[in-house]
Amino acid sequence: MPASRHPKFSRRVAASASLSLALATLAGCAPGGDLKALPPYDPSSYVIGVGDRVHITTFGERDFQTDQRIPIDGHVTFPLIGPVMAKGATPEQLASTLSADLRERRVLRDAKVMVSIDEYRPVSVIGEVEHGGQFAYQPGMTLLSAVAAAGGFTYRAFQDYAYVVRQGADGPVVGRLSPQDYVQPNDVIRIYERHF
C-alpha cells in the first residue's frame, strides 16, 4: 500500500493542515496585524520641531547667543534679525541661515553660528509597559529603548511590534515599529496586550 494511502499518514497530513490553518488564523488575529510598517527613520536627519529647546551660539560674539524653546509658530527670534523659521530645518541648516542673515544685514562680516538641541521633544509610551508617560527623546532611540524608559514590558505585552502615531508632513501617520526600529520625537507608541 502506498504511504500516501496509509491511515496514519492521512491523519498526520490532516493534523498538519489543521495546525497550519490554526497558526495562520492566530497570526491574522495578532494585535495590529493589519498595520503597515512605518518608513525607516534616520536619526542623523533630525529636524527641529515645535517644543525643542535650541541653543544658538555665534563664535566670538556673546551678544548673539540665545536659548529658546521653539513656539507653535516654529520661529526663533535672533538679535538684530528678528524671527527666523526654525521648524523643519536641521540644526546645520538653521545655523547657515542665521550666519547668512547676519552677513547680508551687515551685522557681522564673518558670522559663524552654531545651533544645538538642548532638549528634544518627548516620546509618549502607553499600553502594556510598567510606567507609561512621556519620556525625553535621545538621538538614536529605538522602540526597545523607549519601552525601557517606560520601565519595560508588562508580562502581558505583545513584544513583536508596536502601534505608533507619528506626525508626518501632511498630518498624523499610523503604522507599526519593530523593537530595533528608530523612534522620532513626538511619536506616540502603544504596546499591545497579547491575545493569548
N, C-alpha and C. Protein backbone atom coordinates (compact mmCIF):
# COMPACT_ATOMS: atom_id res chain seq x y z
N MET A 1 0.85 -1.18 0.00
CA MET A 1 0.00 0.00 0.00
C MET A 1 0.90 1.24 0.00
N PRO A 2 0.64 2.24 -0.91
CA PRO A 2 1.45 3.45 -0.93
C PRO A 2 1.32 4.21 0.39
N ALA A 3 2.42 4.89 0.78
CA ALA A 3 2.43 5.61 2.06
C ALA A 3 1.33 6.65 2.12
N SER A 4 1.02 7.28 0.97
CA SER A 4 0.01 8.34 0.98
C SER A 4 -1.39 7.82 1.26
N ARG A 5 -1.62 6.48 1.12
CA ARG A 5 -2.94 5.92 1.39
C ARG A 5 -3.01 5.29 2.78
N HIS A 6 -1.90 5.26 3.49
CA HIS A 6 -1.88 4.66 4.81
C HIS A 6 -2.69 5.55 5.77
N PRO A 7 -3.56 4.95 6.62
CA PRO A 7 -4.42 5.75 7.51
C PRO A 7 -3.65 6.69 8.44
N LYS A 8 -2.51 6.21 8.98
CA LYS A 8 -1.72 7.08 9.88
C LYS A 8 -1.17 8.28 9.12
N PHE A 9 -0.73 8.05 7.88
CA PHE A 9 -0.19 9.14 7.07
C PHE A 9 -1.28 10.19 6.80
N SER A 10 -2.48 9.73 6.47
CA SER A 10 -3.60 10.63 6.18
C SER A 10 -3.95 11.46 7.40
N ARG A 11 -3.94 10.81 8.59
CA ARG A 11 -4.25 11.56 9.81
C ARG A 11 -3.18 12.61 10.10
N ARG A 12 -1.90 12.26 9.85
CA ARG A 12 -0.82 13.23 10.07
C ARG A 12 -0.94 14.43 9.13
N VAL A 13 -1.25 14.16 7.88
CA VAL A 13 -1.42 15.24 6.90
C VAL A 13 -2.58 16.14 7.33
N ALA A 14 -3.69 15.52 7.76
CA ALA A 14 -4.86 16.30 8.19
C ALA A 14 -4.53 17.13 9.43
N ALA A 15 -3.81 16.52 10.38
CA ALA A 15 -3.42 17.23 11.61
C ALA A 15 -2.49 18.39 11.28
N SER A 16 -1.55 18.15 10.38
CA SER A 16 -0.60 19.19 9.97
C SER A 16 -1.33 20.34 9.29
N ALA A 17 -2.28 20.02 8.44
CA ALA A 17 -3.06 21.05 7.74
C ALA A 17 -3.88 21.85 8.75
N SER A 18 -4.46 21.17 9.74
CA SER A 18 -5.25 21.87 10.77
C SER A 18 -4.37 22.79 11.59
N LEU A 19 -3.17 22.32 11.94
CA LEU A 19 -2.23 23.14 12.71
C LEU A 19 -1.81 24.37 11.91
N SER A 20 -1.51 24.17 10.62
CA SER A 20 -1.12 25.30 9.77
C SER A 20 -2.23 26.33 9.68
N LEU A 21 -3.46 25.85 9.55
CA LEU A 21 -4.62 26.74 9.47
C LEU A 21 -4.80 27.51 10.78
N ALA A 22 -4.63 26.80 11.90
CA ALA A 22 -4.78 27.45 13.21
C ALA A 22 -3.71 28.52 13.42
N LEU A 23 -2.45 28.20 13.04
CA LEU A 23 -1.38 29.18 13.18
C LEU A 23 -1.61 30.39 12.29
N ALA A 24 -2.07 30.16 11.09
CA ALA A 24 -2.35 31.27 10.17
C ALA A 24 -3.48 32.13 10.72
N THR A 25 -4.49 31.50 11.31
CA THR A 25 -5.60 32.25 11.89
C THR A 25 -5.12 33.08 13.06
N LEU A 26 -4.27 32.48 13.94
CA LEU A 26 -3.74 33.22 15.08
C LEU A 26 -2.86 34.38 14.63
N ALA A 27 -2.07 34.17 13.60
CA ALA A 27 -1.21 35.25 13.09
C ALA A 27 -2.06 36.39 12.58
N GLY A 28 -3.18 36.07 11.93
CA GLY A 28 -4.08 37.11 11.43
C GLY A 28 -4.77 37.84 12.57
N CYS A 29 -4.87 37.20 13.74
CA CYS A 29 -5.51 37.82 14.90
C CYS A 29 -4.53 38.58 15.77
N ALA A 30 -3.25 38.58 15.43
CA ALA A 30 -2.26 39.30 16.23
C ALA A 30 -2.66 40.77 16.28
N PRO A 31 -2.51 41.40 17.45
CA PRO A 31 -2.93 42.79 17.54
C PRO A 31 -2.16 43.66 16.54
N GLY A 32 -2.88 44.50 15.83
CA GLY A 32 -2.24 45.38 14.86
C GLY A 32 -1.68 44.67 13.65
N GLY A 33 -2.12 43.43 13.42
CA GLY A 33 -1.59 42.66 12.30
C GLY A 33 -1.84 43.30 10.94
N ASP A 34 -2.83 44.18 10.86
CA ASP A 34 -3.16 44.83 9.59
C ASP A 34 -2.41 46.14 9.38
N LEU A 35 -1.62 46.57 10.38
CA LEU A 35 -0.87 47.83 10.25
C LEU A 35 0.34 47.66 9.34
N LYS A 36 0.63 48.67 8.56
CA LYS A 36 1.83 48.66 7.72
C LYS A 36 3.00 49.20 8.53
N ALA A 37 4.18 48.72 8.22
CA ALA A 37 5.38 49.23 8.89
C ALA A 37 5.60 50.68 8.49
N LEU A 38 6.01 51.50 9.47
CA LEU A 38 6.34 52.89 9.16
C LEU A 38 7.65 52.93 8.38
N PRO A 39 7.83 53.93 7.53
CA PRO A 39 9.11 54.04 6.81
C PRO A 39 10.26 54.19 7.80
N PRO A 40 11.44 53.67 7.47
CA PRO A 40 12.58 53.79 8.38
C PRO A 40 12.93 55.26 8.63
N TYR A 41 13.37 55.54 9.84
CA TYR A 41 13.76 56.91 10.22
C TYR A 41 15.27 56.93 10.43
N ASP A 42 15.92 57.96 9.89
CA ASP A 42 17.37 58.13 10.04
C ASP A 42 17.60 59.23 11.08
N PRO A 43 18.06 58.89 12.29
CA PRO A 43 18.25 59.89 13.33
C PRO A 43 19.22 61.01 12.94
N SER A 44 20.11 60.75 11.99
CA SER A 44 21.07 61.79 11.58
C SER A 44 20.39 62.88 10.75
N SER A 45 19.14 62.65 10.32
CA SER A 45 18.42 63.64 9.53
C SER A 45 17.44 64.43 10.40
N TYR A 46 17.71 64.53 11.68
CA TYR A 46 16.82 65.18 12.64
C TYR A 46 16.52 66.62 12.24
N VAL A 47 15.23 66.98 12.27
CA VAL A 47 14.84 68.36 12.01
C VAL A 47 14.19 68.95 13.26
N ILE A 48 14.39 70.23 13.44
CA ILE A 48 13.88 70.95 14.60
C ILE A 48 12.36 71.03 14.51
N GLY A 49 11.71 70.90 15.66
CA GLY A 49 10.25 70.97 15.69
C GLY A 49 9.75 71.76 16.88
N VAL A 50 8.46 72.05 16.88
CA VAL A 50 7.83 72.78 17.97
C VAL A 50 8.02 72.01 19.27
N GLY A 51 8.54 72.71 20.28
CA GLY A 51 8.79 72.08 21.58
C GLY A 51 10.26 71.80 21.84
N ASP A 52 11.09 71.73 20.80
CA ASP A 52 12.53 71.56 21.01
C ASP A 52 13.09 72.81 21.68
N ARG A 53 14.10 72.63 22.51
CA ARG A 53 14.83 73.77 23.09
C ARG A 53 16.18 73.83 22.39
N VAL A 54 16.46 74.97 21.73
CA VAL A 54 17.69 75.11 20.97
C VAL A 54 18.63 76.10 21.64
N HIS A 55 19.92 75.86 21.45
CA HIS A 55 20.96 76.77 21.92
C HIS A 55 21.69 77.28 20.68
N ILE A 56 21.72 78.60 20.53
CA ILE A 56 22.35 79.22 19.37
C ILE A 56 23.54 80.05 19.85
N THR A 57 24.69 79.77 19.27
CA THR A 57 25.93 80.46 19.62
C THR A 57 26.54 81.07 18.38
N THR A 58 27.03 82.29 18.51
CA THR A 58 27.81 82.92 17.44
C THR A 58 29.23 83.07 17.97
N PHE A 59 30.18 82.43 17.30
CA PHE A 59 31.56 82.40 17.79
C PHE A 59 32.13 83.80 17.95
N GLY A 60 32.64 84.06 19.15
CA GLY A 60 33.29 85.34 19.43
C GLY A 60 32.33 86.49 19.68
N GLU A 61 31.03 86.23 19.74
CA GLU A 61 30.03 87.29 19.91
C GLU A 61 29.03 86.89 20.99
N ARG A 62 29.28 87.35 22.21
CA ARG A 62 28.41 86.99 23.33
C ARG A 62 27.00 87.55 23.19
N ASP A 63 26.86 88.67 22.48
CA ASP A 63 25.54 89.29 22.33
C ASP A 63 24.65 88.53 21.34
N PHE A 64 25.22 87.59 20.62
CA PHE A 64 24.46 86.84 19.62
C PHE A 64 24.35 85.37 20.02
N GLN A 65 23.90 85.18 21.26
CA GLN A 65 23.65 83.84 21.77
C GLN A 65 22.25 83.81 22.37
N THR A 66 21.60 82.69 22.27
CA THR A 66 20.26 82.58 22.84
C THR A 66 19.89 81.12 23.07
N ASP A 67 19.03 80.93 24.05
CA ASP A 67 18.41 79.63 24.32
C ASP A 67 16.91 79.84 24.20
N GLN A 68 16.26 79.06 23.35
CA GLN A 68 14.83 79.23 23.16
C GLN A 68 14.14 77.90 22.93
N ARG A 69 12.91 77.82 23.44
CA ARG A 69 12.04 76.68 23.10
C ARG A 69 11.26 77.10 21.85
N ILE A 70 11.19 76.22 20.87
CA ILE A 70 10.52 76.55 19.61
C ILE A 70 9.02 76.65 19.87
N PRO A 71 8.42 77.84 19.64
CA PRO A 71 6.99 78.01 19.88
C PRO A 71 6.15 77.42 18.76
N ILE A 72 4.85 77.53 18.91
CA ILE A 72 3.92 76.91 17.97
C ILE A 72 4.07 77.44 16.55
N ASP A 73 4.53 78.69 16.40
CA ASP A 73 4.70 79.24 15.04
C ASP A 73 5.99 78.77 14.38
N GLY A 74 6.86 78.09 15.15
CA GLY A 74 8.07 77.50 14.57
C GLY A 74 9.26 78.42 14.42
N HIS A 75 9.16 79.67 14.88
CA HIS A 75 10.24 80.64 14.69
C HIS A 75 11.13 80.76 15.93
N VAL A 76 12.38 81.15 15.72
CA VAL A 76 13.24 81.63 16.79
C VAL A 76 13.45 83.12 16.54
N THR A 77 13.64 83.85 17.62
CA THR A 77 13.93 85.28 17.50
C THR A 77 15.39 85.48 17.80
N PHE A 78 16.10 86.12 16.85
CA PHE A 78 17.54 86.28 16.98
C PHE A 78 17.88 87.77 16.98
N PRO A 79 18.84 88.20 17.83
CA PRO A 79 19.16 89.62 17.93
C PRO A 79 19.48 90.26 16.57
N LEU A 80 18.89 91.43 16.33
CA LEU A 80 19.07 92.26 15.14
C LEU A 80 18.59 91.60 13.84
N ILE A 81 18.03 90.42 13.93
CA ILE A 81 17.47 89.75 12.75
C ILE A 81 15.96 89.62 12.89
N GLY A 82 15.51 89.27 14.08
CA GLY A 82 14.08 89.06 14.31
C GLY A 82 13.72 87.60 14.15
N PRO A 83 12.45 87.31 13.83
CA PRO A 83 12.02 85.92 13.75
C PRO A 83 12.57 85.22 12.51
N VAL A 84 13.05 84.00 12.74
CA VAL A 84 13.58 83.15 11.66
C VAL A 84 12.93 81.77 11.81
N MET A 85 12.43 81.21 10.72
CA MET A 85 11.78 79.89 10.78
C MET A 85 12.81 78.82 11.12
N ALA A 86 12.55 78.11 12.22
CA ALA A 86 13.44 77.02 12.65
C ALA A 86 12.80 75.66 12.42
N LYS A 87 11.47 75.61 12.55
CA LYS A 87 10.75 74.34 12.39
C LYS A 87 11.00 73.77 10.99
N GLY A 88 11.36 72.49 10.95
CA GLY A 88 11.58 71.82 9.67
C GLY A 88 13.01 71.91 9.16
N ALA A 89 13.85 72.67 9.84
CA ALA A 89 15.26 72.79 9.44
C ALA A 89 16.12 71.89 10.32
N THR A 90 17.23 71.41 9.77
CA THR A 90 18.21 70.72 10.61
C THR A 90 18.95 71.79 11.39
N PRO A 91 19.62 71.44 12.49
CA PRO A 91 20.42 72.43 13.21
C PRO A 91 21.45 73.11 12.29
N GLU A 92 22.04 72.33 11.38
CA GLU A 92 23.04 72.90 10.46
C GLU A 92 22.41 73.89 9.50
N GLN A 93 21.21 73.58 9.00
CA GLN A 93 20.52 74.50 8.09
C GLN A 93 20.14 75.80 8.78
N LEU A 94 19.66 75.71 10.02
CA LEU A 94 19.31 76.93 10.77
C LEU A 94 20.55 77.77 11.03
N ALA A 95 21.65 77.13 11.40
CA ALA A 95 22.90 77.86 11.63
C ALA A 95 23.35 78.58 10.36
N SER A 96 23.25 77.91 9.23
CA SER A 96 23.64 78.50 7.95
C SER A 96 22.76 79.70 7.61
N THR A 97 21.44 79.58 7.84
CA THR A 97 20.51 80.68 7.58
C THR A 97 20.83 81.89 8.44
N LEU A 98 21.07 81.66 9.73
CA LEU A 98 21.39 82.76 10.65
C LEU A 98 22.71 83.42 10.28
N SER A 99 23.71 82.63 9.93
CA SER A 99 25.02 83.18 9.52
C SER A 99 24.85 84.07 8.28
N ALA A 100 24.09 83.57 7.30
CA ALA A 100 23.89 84.34 6.07
C ALA A 100 23.12 85.63 6.36
N ASP A 101 22.09 85.56 7.23
CA ASP A 101 21.33 86.76 7.57
C ASP A 101 22.20 87.81 8.25
N LEU A 102 23.06 87.38 9.16
CA LEU A 102 23.95 88.32 9.84
C LEU A 102 24.91 89.00 8.86
N ARG A 103 25.40 88.24 7.87
CA ARG A 103 26.31 88.83 6.86
C ARG A 103 25.54 89.76 5.92
N GLU A 104 24.38 89.31 5.44
CA GLU A 104 23.60 90.11 4.48
C GLU A 104 23.13 91.43 5.09
N ARG A 105 22.82 91.43 6.36
CA ARG A 105 22.37 92.66 7.03
C ARG A 105 23.56 93.49 7.53
N ARG A 106 24.74 92.99 7.26
CA ARG A 106 25.99 93.68 7.63
C ARG A 106 26.11 93.89 9.15
N VAL A 107 25.57 92.93 9.87
CA VAL A 107 25.68 92.96 11.33
C VAL A 107 27.05 92.41 11.72
N LEU A 108 27.41 91.29 11.13
CA LEU A 108 28.72 90.67 11.35
C LEU A 108 29.30 90.26 10.00
N ARG A 109 30.53 90.64 9.76
CA ARG A 109 31.15 90.33 8.46
C ARG A 109 31.43 88.85 8.30
N ASP A 110 31.91 88.22 9.37
CA ASP A 110 32.29 86.80 9.28
C ASP A 110 31.55 86.01 10.37
N ALA A 111 30.23 85.97 10.25
CA ALA A 111 29.41 85.32 11.28
C ALA A 111 29.52 83.80 11.18
N LYS A 112 29.82 83.17 12.31
CA LYS A 112 29.86 81.71 12.39
C LYS A 112 28.92 81.28 13.50
N VAL A 113 27.77 80.76 13.11
CA VAL A 113 26.72 80.39 14.06
C VAL A 113 26.66 78.87 14.19
N MET A 114 26.44 78.43 15.42
CA MET A 114 26.26 77.00 15.68
C MET A 114 24.94 76.81 16.43
N VAL A 115 24.17 75.81 16.02
CA VAL A 115 22.89 75.51 16.66
C VAL A 115 22.95 74.08 17.21
N SER A 116 22.56 73.93 18.45
CA SER A 116 22.47 72.59 19.04
C SER A 116 21.12 72.44 19.73
N ILE A 117 20.71 71.21 19.93
CA ILE A 117 19.44 70.92 20.62
C ILE A 117 19.78 70.63 22.08
N ASP A 118 19.24 71.46 22.97
CA ASP A 118 19.45 71.25 24.41
C ASP A 118 18.42 70.28 24.97
N GLU A 119 17.22 70.32 24.41
CA GLU A 119 16.14 69.47 24.93
C GLU A 119 15.23 69.09 23.76
N TYR A 120 15.06 67.80 23.58
CA TYR A 120 14.25 67.29 22.46
C TYR A 120 12.79 67.15 22.87
N ARG A 121 11.92 67.13 21.87
CA ARG A 121 10.52 66.82 22.12
C ARG A 121 10.42 65.42 22.70
N PRO A 122 9.40 65.15 23.51
CA PRO A 122 9.33 63.83 24.14
C PRO A 122 8.73 62.76 23.23
N VAL A 123 8.85 61.53 23.69
CA VAL A 123 8.21 60.37 23.09
C VAL A 123 7.20 59.88 24.13
N SER A 124 5.99 59.52 23.70
CA SER A 124 4.97 59.01 24.62
C SER A 124 4.86 57.50 24.45
N VAL A 125 4.81 56.79 25.58
CA VAL A 125 4.68 55.33 25.55
C VAL A 125 3.51 54.96 26.45
N ILE A 126 2.53 54.25 25.88
CA ILE A 126 1.35 53.83 26.64
C ILE A 126 1.08 52.34 26.40
N GLY A 127 0.13 51.81 27.14
CA GLY A 127 -0.24 50.41 26.95
C GLY A 127 0.48 49.50 27.92
N GLU A 128 0.93 48.36 27.44
CA GLU A 128 1.49 47.32 28.30
C GLU A 128 2.97 47.56 28.63
N VAL A 129 3.20 48.68 29.35
CA VAL A 129 4.52 48.98 29.91
C VAL A 129 4.33 49.25 31.39
N GLU A 130 5.39 49.19 32.14
CA GLU A 130 5.28 49.34 33.60
C GLU A 130 4.87 50.76 34.01
N HIS A 131 5.41 51.78 33.35
CA HIS A 131 5.14 53.17 33.74
C HIS A 131 4.96 54.01 32.48
N GLY A 132 3.76 54.03 31.93
CA GLY A 132 3.51 54.82 30.73
C GLY A 132 3.66 56.31 31.00
N GLY A 133 3.89 57.07 29.92
CA GLY A 133 4.02 58.52 30.05
C GLY A 133 4.87 59.09 28.94
N GLN A 134 5.33 60.32 29.14
CA GLN A 134 6.22 60.98 28.20
C GLN A 134 7.64 60.87 28.69
N PHE A 135 8.55 60.63 27.75
CA PHE A 135 9.96 60.43 28.09
C PHE A 135 10.83 61.23 27.13
N ALA A 136 11.94 61.73 27.64
CA ALA A 136 12.84 62.54 26.83
C ALA A 136 13.39 61.72 25.67
N TYR A 137 13.24 62.24 24.47
CA TYR A 137 13.84 61.61 23.29
C TYR A 137 15.35 61.76 23.37
N GLN A 138 16.04 60.73 22.92
CA GLN A 138 17.50 60.77 22.79
C GLN A 138 17.85 60.37 21.36
N PRO A 139 18.81 61.04 20.73
CA PRO A 139 19.19 60.65 19.37
C PRO A 139 19.56 59.17 19.31
N GLY A 140 19.03 58.48 18.32
CA GLY A 140 19.29 57.05 18.18
C GLY A 140 18.39 56.17 19.02
N MET A 141 17.35 56.75 19.63
CA MET A 141 16.43 55.96 20.46
C MET A 141 15.63 54.99 19.60
N THR A 142 15.57 53.75 20.03
CA THR A 142 14.79 52.73 19.33
C THR A 142 13.49 52.48 20.10
N LEU A 143 12.61 51.71 19.49
CA LEU A 143 11.37 51.34 20.18
C LEU A 143 11.69 50.64 21.50
N LEU A 144 12.67 49.74 21.47
CA LEU A 144 13.02 48.98 22.67
C LEU A 144 13.57 49.90 23.77
N SER A 145 14.39 50.90 23.40
CA SER A 145 14.92 51.80 24.44
C SER A 145 13.83 52.74 24.95
N ALA A 146 12.83 53.07 24.12
CA ALA A 146 11.70 53.87 24.59
C ALA A 146 10.89 53.06 25.61
N VAL A 147 10.70 51.78 25.34
CA VAL A 147 9.99 50.90 26.28
C VAL A 147 10.80 50.77 27.57
N ALA A 148 12.12 50.68 27.46
CA ALA A 148 12.97 50.59 28.65
C ALA A 148 12.81 51.85 29.51
N ALA A 149 12.70 53.03 28.86
CA ALA A 149 12.49 54.27 29.61
C ALA A 149 11.16 54.23 30.36
N ALA A 150 10.20 53.49 29.83
CA ALA A 150 8.88 53.35 30.46
C ALA A 150 8.84 52.19 31.46
N GLY A 151 9.99 51.67 31.84
CA GLY A 151 10.04 50.61 32.85
C GLY A 151 10.00 49.20 32.31
N GLY A 152 9.94 49.07 30.98
CA GLY A 152 9.93 47.74 30.36
C GLY A 152 8.51 47.24 30.09
N PHE A 153 8.44 46.10 29.41
CA PHE A 153 7.17 45.47 29.08
C PHE A 153 6.52 44.88 30.33
N THR A 154 5.18 44.84 30.35
CA THR A 154 4.49 44.06 31.37
C THR A 154 4.51 42.60 30.91
N TYR A 155 4.09 41.69 31.77
CA TYR A 155 4.09 40.26 31.40
C TYR A 155 3.04 39.97 30.33
N ARG A 156 2.07 40.89 30.15
CA ARG A 156 1.01 40.68 29.15
C ARG A 156 1.36 41.29 27.80
N ALA A 157 2.49 41.94 27.69
CA ALA A 157 2.81 42.73 26.49
C ALA A 157 3.08 41.87 25.26
N PHE A 158 2.59 42.34 24.14
CA PHE A 158 2.94 41.79 22.83
C PHE A 158 4.21 42.51 22.41
N GLN A 159 5.31 41.77 22.20
CA GLN A 159 6.62 42.40 22.06
C GLN A 159 7.18 42.41 20.63
N ASP A 160 6.44 41.87 19.67
CA ASP A 160 6.98 41.79 18.31
C ASP A 160 7.00 43.13 17.58
N TYR A 161 6.02 43.98 17.84
CA TYR A 161 5.95 45.31 17.24
C TYR A 161 4.96 46.13 18.04
N ALA A 162 4.91 47.44 17.76
CA ALA A 162 4.01 48.34 18.48
C ALA A 162 3.26 49.23 17.50
N TYR A 163 2.12 49.71 17.95
CA TYR A 163 1.30 50.67 17.21
C TYR A 163 1.89 52.06 17.46
N VAL A 164 2.09 52.84 16.41
CA VAL A 164 2.72 54.16 16.55
C VAL A 164 1.94 55.20 15.76
N VAL A 165 1.71 56.36 16.38
CA VAL A 165 1.18 57.53 15.69
C VAL A 165 2.34 58.50 15.56
N ARG A 166 2.65 58.88 14.32
CA ARG A 166 3.80 59.74 14.04
C ARG A 166 3.31 60.98 13.30
N GLN A 167 3.85 62.13 13.65
CA GLN A 167 3.50 63.37 12.97
C GLN A 167 4.26 63.46 11.66
N GLY A 168 3.54 63.34 10.55
CA GLY A 168 4.15 63.46 9.23
C GLY A 168 4.00 64.88 8.70
N ALA A 169 4.56 65.15 7.54
CA ALA A 169 4.48 66.47 6.93
C ALA A 169 3.04 66.87 6.63
N ASP A 170 2.19 65.88 6.32
CA ASP A 170 0.80 66.16 5.98
C ASP A 170 -0.17 65.75 7.08
N GLY A 171 0.31 65.59 8.29
CA GLY A 171 -0.55 65.20 9.40
C GLY A 171 -0.12 63.87 9.99
N PRO A 172 -0.89 63.36 10.96
CA PRO A 172 -0.52 62.12 11.64
C PRO A 172 -0.53 60.91 10.71
N VAL A 173 0.44 60.04 10.93
CA VAL A 173 0.56 58.78 10.18
C VAL A 173 0.55 57.66 11.21
N VAL A 174 -0.20 56.60 10.93
CA VAL A 174 -0.31 55.46 11.83
C VAL A 174 0.37 54.26 11.19
N GLY A 175 1.14 53.53 11.99
CA GLY A 175 1.80 52.34 11.49
C GLY A 175 2.40 51.55 12.63
N ARG A 176 3.30 50.66 12.30
CA ARG A 176 3.92 49.86 13.36
C ARG A 176 5.42 49.93 13.26
N LEU A 177 6.06 49.72 14.42
CA LEU A 177 7.51 49.67 14.52
C LEU A 177 7.92 48.38 15.20
N SER A 178 9.05 47.84 14.78
CA SER A 178 9.64 46.67 15.43
C SER A 178 10.59 47.16 16.53
N PRO A 179 10.96 46.30 17.47
CA PRO A 179 11.79 46.73 18.61
C PRO A 179 13.09 47.44 18.24
N GLN A 180 13.72 47.06 17.12
CA GLN A 180 15.01 47.66 16.77
C GLN A 180 14.85 48.92 15.92
N ASP A 181 13.63 49.29 15.54
CA ASP A 181 13.40 50.47 14.70
C ASP A 181 13.58 51.75 15.51
N TYR A 182 14.06 52.81 14.84
CA TYR A 182 14.24 54.11 15.48
C TYR A 182 12.89 54.80 15.66
N VAL A 183 12.73 55.48 16.79
CA VAL A 183 11.57 56.32 17.01
C VAL A 183 11.94 57.76 16.73
N GLN A 184 10.92 58.61 16.58
CA GLN A 184 11.10 60.03 16.38
C GLN A 184 10.52 60.78 17.56
N PRO A 185 11.00 62.01 17.82
CA PRO A 185 10.33 62.82 18.83
C PRO A 185 8.86 63.00 18.46
N ASN A 186 8.02 63.10 19.45
CA ASN A 186 6.56 63.25 19.30
C ASN A 186 5.86 61.95 18.92
N ASP A 187 6.58 60.85 18.71
CA ASP A 187 5.91 59.58 18.46
C ASP A 187 5.06 59.20 19.68
N VAL A 188 3.87 58.69 19.41
CA VAL A 188 3.03 58.11 20.46
C VAL A 188 3.00 56.62 20.20
N ILE A 189 3.55 55.87 21.15
CA ILE A 189 3.75 54.42 21.00
C ILE A 189 2.79 53.69 21.92
N ARG A 190 2.07 52.74 21.35
CA ARG A 190 1.17 51.92 22.17
C ARG A 190 1.63 50.47 22.09
N ILE A 191 1.91 49.91 23.26
CA ILE A 191 2.30 48.50 23.34
C ILE A 191 1.03 47.67 23.56
N TYR A 192 0.81 46.75 22.63
CA TYR A 192 -0.40 45.92 22.67
C TYR A 192 -0.33 44.88 23.80
N GLU A 193 -1.53 44.42 24.16
CA GLU A 193 -1.65 43.26 25.06
C GLU A 193 -1.77 42.02 24.20
N ARG A 194 -1.10 40.95 24.61
CA ARG A 194 -1.22 39.68 23.88
C ARG A 194 -2.63 39.15 23.97
N HIS A 195 -3.07 38.47 22.91
CA HIS A 195 -4.42 37.89 22.91
C HIS A 195 -4.43 36.50 23.57
N PHE A 196 -3.27 35.91 23.76
CA PHE A 196 -3.24 34.55 24.34
C PHE A 196 -1.96 34.39 25.11
